[in-house]
Amino acid sequence: MFHKPQKKLTYDKENTIPILHCSICTGEQVAGFKNLHTGKFEEVMLIRNSRDLDRFMKTYDLTDITKEY
């Protein structure tokens, strides 16, 4: 009934892009940000279902996300 308002977080839009890392073997998905210059991936949260993905998208004000295997 009483929900906390979600806080909008920001990320470095010039140097990073949102990525959904997906495992081919286990199906595990991790949402985070990939540095465009170094290729380093920074994990933010584990995605277990569509509700987790929706929460990640709303938290960072995203409209689409790329999957990377």
PDB file of N, CA and C in Angstrom:
ATOM      1  N   MET A   1       0.821  -1.182   0.000  1.00  0.00           N
ATOM      2  CA  MET A   1       0.000   0.000   0.000  1.00  0.00           C
ATOM      3  C   MET A   1       0.869   1.252   0.000  1.00  0.00           C
ATOM      4  N   PHE A   2       1.871   1.290   0.867  1.00  0.00           N
ATOM      5  CA  PHE A   2       2.758   2.445   0.925  1.00  0.00           C
ATOM      6  C   PHE A   2       4.080   2.068   0.286  1.00  0.00           C
ATOM      7  N   HIS A   3       4.342   2.608  -0.888  1.00  0.00           N
ATOM      8  CA  HIS A   3       5.579   2.314  -1.602  1.00  0.00           C
ATOM      9  C   HIS A   3       6.509   3.504  -1.517  1.00  0.00           C
ATOM     10  N   LYS A   4       7.801   3.189  -1.380  1.00  0.00           N
ATOM     11  CA  LYS A   4       8.801   4.247  -1.433  1.00  0.00           C
ATOM     12  C   LYS A   4       8.879   4.759  -2.859  1.00  0.00           C
ATOM     13  N   PRO A   5       8.967   6.055  -3.047  1.00  0.00           N
ATOM     14  CA  PRO A   5       9.173   6.547  -4.414  1.00  0.00           C
ATOM     15  C   PRO A   5      10.570   6.138  -4.875  1.00  0.00           C
ATOM     16  N   GLN A   6      10.661   5.650  -6.125  1.00  0.00           N
ATOM     17  CA  GLN A   6      11.947   5.227  -6.637  1.00  0.00           C
ATOM     18  C   GLN A   6      12.811   6.432  -6.958  1.00  0.00           C
ATOM     19  N   LYS A   7      14.040   6.343  -6.506  1.00  0.00           N
ATOM     20  CA  LYS A   7      14.995   7.400  -6.760  1.00  0.00           C
ATOM     21  C   LYS A   7      15.627   7.182  -8.124  1.00  0.00           C
ATOM     22  N   LYS A   8      15.631   8.194  -8.965  1.00  0.00           N
ATOM     23  CA  LYS A   8      16.253   8.110 -10.284  1.00  0.00           C
ATOM     24  C   LYS A   8      17.762   8.271 -10.118  1.00  0.00           C
ATOM     25  N   LEU A   9      18.499   7.327 -10.649  1.00  0.00           N
ATOM     26  CA  LEU A   9      19.945   7.390 -10.624  1.00  0.00           C
ATOM     27  C   LEU A   9      20.456   7.754 -12.006  1.00  0.00           C
ATOM     28  N   THR A  10      21.667   8.244 -12.065  1.00  0.00           N
ATOM     29  CA  THR A  10      22.246   8.630 -13.341  1.00  0.00           C
ATOM     30  C   THR A  10      23.503   7.801 -13.608  1.00  0.00           C
ATOM     31  N   TYR A  11      23.935   7.803 -14.840  1.00  0.00           N
ATOM     32  CA  TYR A  11      25.170   7.149 -15.236  1.00  0.00           C
ATOM     33  C   TYR A  11      25.858   8.022 -16.267  1.00  0.00           C
ATOM     34  N   ASP A  12      27.107   7.744 -16.534  1.00  0.00           N
ATOM     35  CA  ASP A  12      27.909   8.524 -17.474  1.00  0.00           C
ATOM     36  C   ASP A  12      27.503   8.161 -18.900  1.00  0.00           C
ATOM     37  N   LYS A  13      26.639   8.953 -19.499  1.00  0.00           N
ATOM     38  CA  LYS A  13      26.089   8.643 -20.826  1.00  0.00           C
ATOM     39  C   LYS A  13      27.102   8.827 -21.938  1.00  0.00           C
ATOM     40  N   GLU A  14      28.173   9.562 -21.702  1.00  0.00           N
ATOM     41  CA  GLU A  14      29.189   9.777 -22.729  1.00  0.00           C
ATOM     42  C   GLU A  14      30.168   8.613 -22.818  1.00  0.00           C
ATOM     43  N   ASN A  15      30.450   7.968 -21.669  1.00  0.00           N
ATOM     44  CA  ASN A  15      31.486   6.948 -21.638  1.00  0.00           C
ATOM     45  C   ASN A  15      30.971   5.533 -21.398  1.00  0.00           C
ATOM     46  N   THR A  16      29.701   5.364 -21.022  1.00  0.00           N
ATOM     47  CA  THR A  16      29.168   4.037 -20.750  1.00  0.00           C
ATOM     48  C   THR A  16      27.824   3.829 -21.439  1.00  0.00           C
ATOM     49  N   ILE A  17      27.496   2.551 -21.662  1.00  0.00           N
ATOM     50  CA  ILE A  17      26.195   2.206 -22.222  1.00  0.00           C
ATOM     51  C   ILE A  17      25.573   1.111 -21.352  1.00  0.00           C
ATOM     52  N   PRO A  18      24.246   1.114 -21.222  1.00  0.00           N
ATOM     53  CA  PRO A  18      23.589   0.054 -20.441  1.00  0.00           C
ATOM     54  C   PRO A  18      23.607  -1.254 -21.233  1.00  0.00           C
ATOM     55  N   ILE A  19      23.966  -2.335 -20.543  1.00  0.00           N
ATOM     56  CA  ILE A  19      24.078  -3.657 -21.167  1.00  0.00           C
ATOM     57  C   ILE A  19      23.424  -4.688 -20.252  1.00  0.00           C
ATOM     58  N   LEU A  20      22.827  -5.691 -20.858  1.00  0.00           N
ATOM     59  CA  LEU A  20      22.309  -6.836 -20.132  1.00  0.00           C
ATOM     60  C   LEU A  20      23.196  -8.018 -20.495  1.00  0.00           C
ATOM     61  N   HIS A  21      24.063  -8.436 -19.557  1.00  0.00           N
ATOM     62  CA  HIS A  21      24.950  -9.572 -19.783  1.00  0.00           C
ATOM     63  C   HIS A  21      24.145 -10.845 -19.598  1.00  0.00           C
ATOM     64  N   CYS A  22      24.127 -11.707 -20.607  1.00  0.00           N
ATOM     65  CA  CYS A  22      23.349 -12.947 -20.560  1.00  0.00           C
ATOM     66  C   CYS A  22      24.280 -14.138 -20.738  1.00  0.00           C
ATOM     67  N   SER A  23      24.108 -15.140 -19.890  1.00  0.00           N
ATOM     68  CA  SER A  23      24.886 -16.364 -20.007  1.00  0.00           C
ATOM     69  C   SER A  23      24.150 -17.337 -20.928  1.00  0.00           C
ATOM     70  N   ILE A  24      24.850 -17.879 -21.887  1.00  0.00           N
ATOM     71  CA  ILE A  24      24.247 -18.842 -22.798  1.00  0.00           C
ATOM     72  C   ILE A  24      23.971 -20.156 -22.068  1.00  0.00           C
ATOM     73  N   CYS A  25      24.867 -20.566 -21.185  1.00  0.00           N
ATOM     74  CA  CYS A  25      24.746 -21.865 -20.513  1.00  0.00           C
ATOM     75  C   CYS A  25      23.663 -21.873 -19.442  1.00  0.00           C
ATOM     76  N   THR A  26      23.706 -20.904 -18.534  1.00  0.00           N
ATOM     77  CA  THR A  26      22.816 -20.936 -17.369  1.00  0.00           C
ATOM     78  C   THR A  26      21.587 -20.053 -17.525  1.00  0.00           C
ATOM     79  N   GLY A  27      21.620 -19.116 -18.451  1.00  0.00           N
ATOM     80  CA  GLY A  27      20.498 -18.202 -18.612  1.00  0.00           C
ATOM     81  C   GLY A  27      20.533 -17.033 -17.644  1.00  0.00           C
ATOM     82  N   GLU A  28      21.570 -16.951 -16.817  1.00  0.00           N
ATOM     83  CA  GLU A  28      21.685 -15.859 -15.852  1.00  0.00           C
ATOM     84  C   GLU A  28      21.841 -14.529 -16.578  1.00  0.00           C
ATOM     85  N   GLN A  29      21.186 -13.493 -16.052  1.00  0.00           N
ATOM     86  CA  GLN A  29      21.267 -12.163 -16.638  1.00  0.00           C
ATOM     87  C   GLN A  29      21.691 -11.159 -15.569  1.00  0.00           C
ATOM     88  N   VAL A  30      22.628 -10.295 -15.937  1.00  0.00           N
ATOM     89  CA  VAL A  30      23.113  -9.252 -15.038  1.00  0.00           C
ATOM     90  C   VAL A  30      23.047  -7.926 -15.777  1.00  0.00           C
ATOM     91  N   ALA A  31      22.420  -6.935 -15.163  1.00  0.00           N
ATOM     92  CA  ALA A  31      22.325  -5.609 -15.766  1.00  0.00           C
ATOM     93  C   ALA A  31      23.453  -4.738 -15.229  1.00  0.00           C
ATOM     94  N   GLY A  32      23.974  -3.897 -16.104  1.00  0.00           N
ATOM     95  CA  GLY A  32      25.037  -3.000 -15.693  1.00  0.00           C
ATOM     96  C   GLY A  32      25.423  -2.072 -16.830  1.00  0.00           C
ATOM     97  N   PHE A  33      26.632  -1.522 -16.707  1.00  0.00           N
ATOM     98  CA  PHE A  33      27.099  -0.545 -17.677  1.00  0.00           C
ATOM     99  C   PHE A  33      28.478  -0.934 -18.186  1.00  0.00           C
ATOM    100  N   LYS A  34      28.658  -0.800 -19.504  1.00  0.00           N
ATOM    101  CA  LYS A  34      29.923  -1.137 -20.149  1.00  0.00           C
ATOM    102  C   LYS A  34      30.624   0.145 -20.566  1.00  0.00           C
ATOM    103  N   ASN A  35      31.893   0.257 -20.184  1.00  0.00           N
ATOM    104  CA  ASN A  35      32.702   1.405 -20.567  1.00  0.00           C
ATOM    105  C   ASN A  35      33.045   1.282 -22.043  1.00  0.00           C
ATOM    106  N   LEU A  36      32.763   2.311 -22.812  1.00  0.00           N
ATOM    107  CA  LEU A  36      32.999   2.290 -24.255  1.00  0.00           C
ATOM    108  C   LEU A  36      34.478   2.274 -24.614  1.00  0.00           C
ATOM    109  N   HIS A  37      35.319   2.837 -23.746  1.00  0.00           N
ATOM    110  CA  HIS A  37      36.743   2.951 -24.060  1.00  0.00           C
ATOM    111  C   HIS A  37      37.535   1.723 -23.636  1.00  0.00           C
ATOM    112  N   THR A  38      37.225   1.185 -22.463  1.00  0.00           N
ATOM    113  CA  THR A  38      37.993   0.050 -21.947  1.00  0.00           C
ATOM    114  C   THR A  38      37.286  -1.282 -22.150  1.00  0.00           C
ATOM    115  N   GLY A  39      35.973  -1.270 -22.343  1.00  0.00           N
ATOM    116  CA  GLY A  39      35.214  -2.502 -22.485  1.00  0.00           C
ATOM    117  C   GLY A  39      34.877  -3.159 -21.161  1.00  0.00           C
ATOM    118  N   LYS A  40      35.269  -2.511 -20.049  1.00  0.00           N
ATOM    119  CA  LYS A  40      35.019  -3.073 -18.722  1.00  0.00           C
ATOM    120  C   LYS A  40      33.527  -2.980 -18.391  1.00  0.00           C
ATOM    121  N   PHE A  41      32.985  -4.065 -17.819  1.00  0.00           N
ATOM    122  CA  PHE A  41      31.571  -4.132 -17.454  1.00  0.00           C
ATOM    123  C   PHE A  41      31.432  -3.948 -15.951  1.00  0.00           C
ATOM    124  N   GLU A  42      30.564  -3.030 -15.544  1.00  0.00           N
ATOM    125  CA  GLU A  42      30.289  -2.785 -14.126  1.00  0.00           C
ATOM    126  C   GLU A  42      28.896  -3.331 -13.807  1.00  0.00           C
ATOM    127  N   GLU A  43      28.849  -4.374 -12.982  1.00  0.00           N
ATOM    128  CA  GLU A  43      27.579  -4.987 -12.616  1.00  0.00           C
ATOM    129  C   GLU A  43      26.794  -4.085 -11.672  1.00  0.00           C
ATOM    130  N   VAL A  44      25.486  -3.997 -11.897  1.00  0.00           N
ATOM    131  CA  VAL A  44      24.622  -3.207 -11.027  1.00  0.00           C
ATOM    132  C   VAL A  44      23.639  -4.103 -10.286  1.00  0.00           C
ATOM    133  N   MET A  45      22.961  -4.994 -11.011  1.00  0.00           N
ATOM    134  CA  MET A  45      22.013  -5.880 -10.343  1.00  0.00           C
ATOM    135  C   MET A  45      21.761  -7.152 -11.142  1.00  0.00           C
ATOM    136  N   LEU A  46      21.407  -8.217 -10.408  1.00  0.00           N
ATOM    137  CA  LEU A  46      21.034  -9.488 -11.006  1.00  0.00           C
ATOM    138  C   LEU A  46      19.586  -9.400 -11.463  1.00  0.00           C
ATOM    139  N   ILE A  47      19.324  -9.866 -12.673  1.00  0.00           N
ATOM    140  CA  ILE A  47      17.967  -9.844 -13.227  1.00  0.00           C
ATOM    141  C   ILE A  47      17.409 -11.263 -13.160  1.00  0.00           C
ATOM    142  N   ARG A  48      16.427 -11.472 -12.289  1.00  0.00           N
ATOM    143  CA  ARG A  48      15.827 -12.791 -12.124  1.00  0.00           C
ATOM    144  C   ARG A  48      14.508 -12.934 -12.865  1.00  0.00           C
ATOM    145  N   ASN A  49      13.832 -11.799 -13.091  1.00  0.00           N
ATOM    146  CA  ASN A  49      12.542 -11.838 -13.787  1.00  0.00           C
ATOM    147  C   ASN A  49      12.290 -10.482 -14.442  1.00  0.00           C
ATOM    148  N   SER A  50      11.154 -10.358 -15.101  1.00  0.00           N
ATOM    149  CA  SER A  50      10.860  -9.119 -15.832  1.00  0.00           C
ATOM    150  C   SER A  50      10.659  -7.933 -14.888  1.00  0.00           C
ATOM    151  N   ARG A  51      10.222  -8.209 -13.673  1.00  0.00           N
ATOM    152  CA  ARG A  51      10.034  -7.121 -12.708  1.00  0.00           C
ATOM    153  C   ARG A  51      11.379  -6.494 -12.319  1.00  0.00           C
ATOM    154  N   ASP A  52      12.415  -7.335 -12.164  1.00  0.00           N
ATOM    155  CA  ASP A  52      13.761  -6.814 -11.876  1.00  0.00           C
ATOM    156  C   ASP A  52      14.263  -5.944 -13.025  1.00  0.00           C
ATOM    157  N   LEU A  53      14.027  -6.399 -14.253  1.00  0.00           N
ATOM    158  CA  LEU A  53      14.456  -5.627 -15.420  1.00  0.00           C
ATOM    159  C   LEU A  53      13.708  -4.295 -15.490  1.00  0.00           C
ATOM    160  N   ASP A  54      12.411  -4.314 -15.229  1.00  0.00           N
ATOM    161  CA  ASP A  54      11.626  -3.075 -15.220  1.00  0.00           C
ATOM    162  C   ASP A  54      12.147  -2.107 -14.167  1.00  0.00           C
ATOM    163  N   ARG A  55      12.502  -2.626 -12.987  1.00  0.00           N
ATOM    164  CA  ARG A  55      13.014  -1.774 -11.915  1.00  0.00           C
ATOM    165  C   ARG A  55      14.335  -1.130 -12.320  1.00  0.00           C
ATOM    166  N   PHE A  56      15.222  -1.909 -12.956  1.00  0.00           N
ATOM    167  CA  PHE A  56      16.497  -1.374 -13.431  1.00  0.00           C
ATOM    168  C   PHE A  56      16.264  -0.278 -14.470  1.00  0.00           C
ATOM    169  N   MET A  57      15.365  -0.547 -15.417  1.00  0.00           N
ATOM    170  CA  MET A  57      15.074   0.423 -16.480  1.00  0.00           C
ATOM    171  C   MET A  57      14.487   1.713 -15.908  1.00  0.00           C
ATOM    172  N   LYS A  58      13.588   1.611 -14.954  1.00  0.00           N
ATOM    173  CA  LYS A  58      12.974   2.803 -14.356  1.00  0.00           C
ATOM    174  C   LYS A  58      13.967   3.563 -13.487  1.00  0.00           C
ATOM    175  N   THR A  59      14.815   2.836 -12.770  1.00  0.00           N
ATOM    176  CA  THR A  59      15.787   3.479 -11.885  1.00  0.00           C
ATOM    177  C   THR A  59      16.755   4.364 -12.655  1.00  0.00           C
ATOM    178  N   TYR A  60      17.183   3.905 -13.826  1.00  0.00           N
ATOM    179  CA  TYR A  60      18.137   4.663 -14.630  1.00  0.00           C
ATOM    180  C   TYR A  60      17.475   5.388 -15.791  1.00  0.00           C
ATOM    181  N   ASP A  61      16.153   5.421 -15.822  1.00  0.00           N
ATOM    182  CA  ASP A  61      15.376   6.131 -16.844  1.00  0.00           C
ATOM    183  C   ASP A  61      15.783   5.691 -18.254  1.00  0.00           C
ATOM    184  N   LEU A  62      15.761   4.374 -18.486  1.00  0.00           N
ATOM    185  CA  LEU A  62      16.147   3.801 -19.771  1.00  0.00           C
ATOM    186  C   LEU A  62      14.911   3.380 -20.551  1.00  0.00           C
ATOM    187  N   THR A  63      15.004   3.439 -21.886  1.00  0.00           N
ATOM    188  CA  THR A  63      13.903   2.980 -22.725  1.00  0.00           C
ATOM    189  C   THR A  63      14.220   1.648 -23.399  1.00  0.00           C
ATOM    190  N   ASP A  64      15.511   1.389 -23.666  1.00  0.00           N
ATOM    191  CA  ASP A  64      15.914   0.115 -24.239  1.00  0.00           C
ATOM    192  C   ASP A  64      17.276  -0.275 -23.718  1.00  0.00           C
ATOM    193  N   ILE A  65      17.581  -1.552 -23.830  1.00  0.00           N
ATOM    194  CA  ILE A  65      18.858  -2.072 -23.324  1.00  0.00           C
ATOM    195  C   ILE A  65      19.334  -3.150 -24.294  1.00  0.00           C
ATOM    196  N   THR A  66      20.646  -3.232 -24.466  1.00  0.00           N
ATOM    197  CA  THR A  66      21.241  -4.185 -25.386  1.00  0.00           C
ATOM    198  C   THR A  66      21.656  -5.439 -24.627  1.00  0.00           C
ATOM    199  N   LYS A  67      21.436  -6.611 -25.238  1.00  0.00           N
ATOM    200  CA  LYS A  67      21.890  -7.865 -24.651  1.00  0.00           C
ATOM    201  C   LYS A  67      23.254  -8.218 -25.224  1.00  0.00           C
ATOM    202  N   GLU A  68      24.116  -8.717 -24.347  1.00  0.00           N
ATOM    203  CA  GLU A  68      25.449  -9.150 -24.761  1.00  0.00           C
ATOM    204  C   GLU A  68      25.687 -10.545 -24.182  1.00  0.00           C
ATOM    205  N   TYR A  69      26.132 -11.455 -25.023  1.00  0.00           N
ATOM    206  CA  TYR A  69      26.346 -12.835 -24.584  1.00  0.00           C
ATOM    207  C   TYR A  69      27.807 -13.135 -24.387  1.00  0.00           C
TER     208      TYR A  69
END
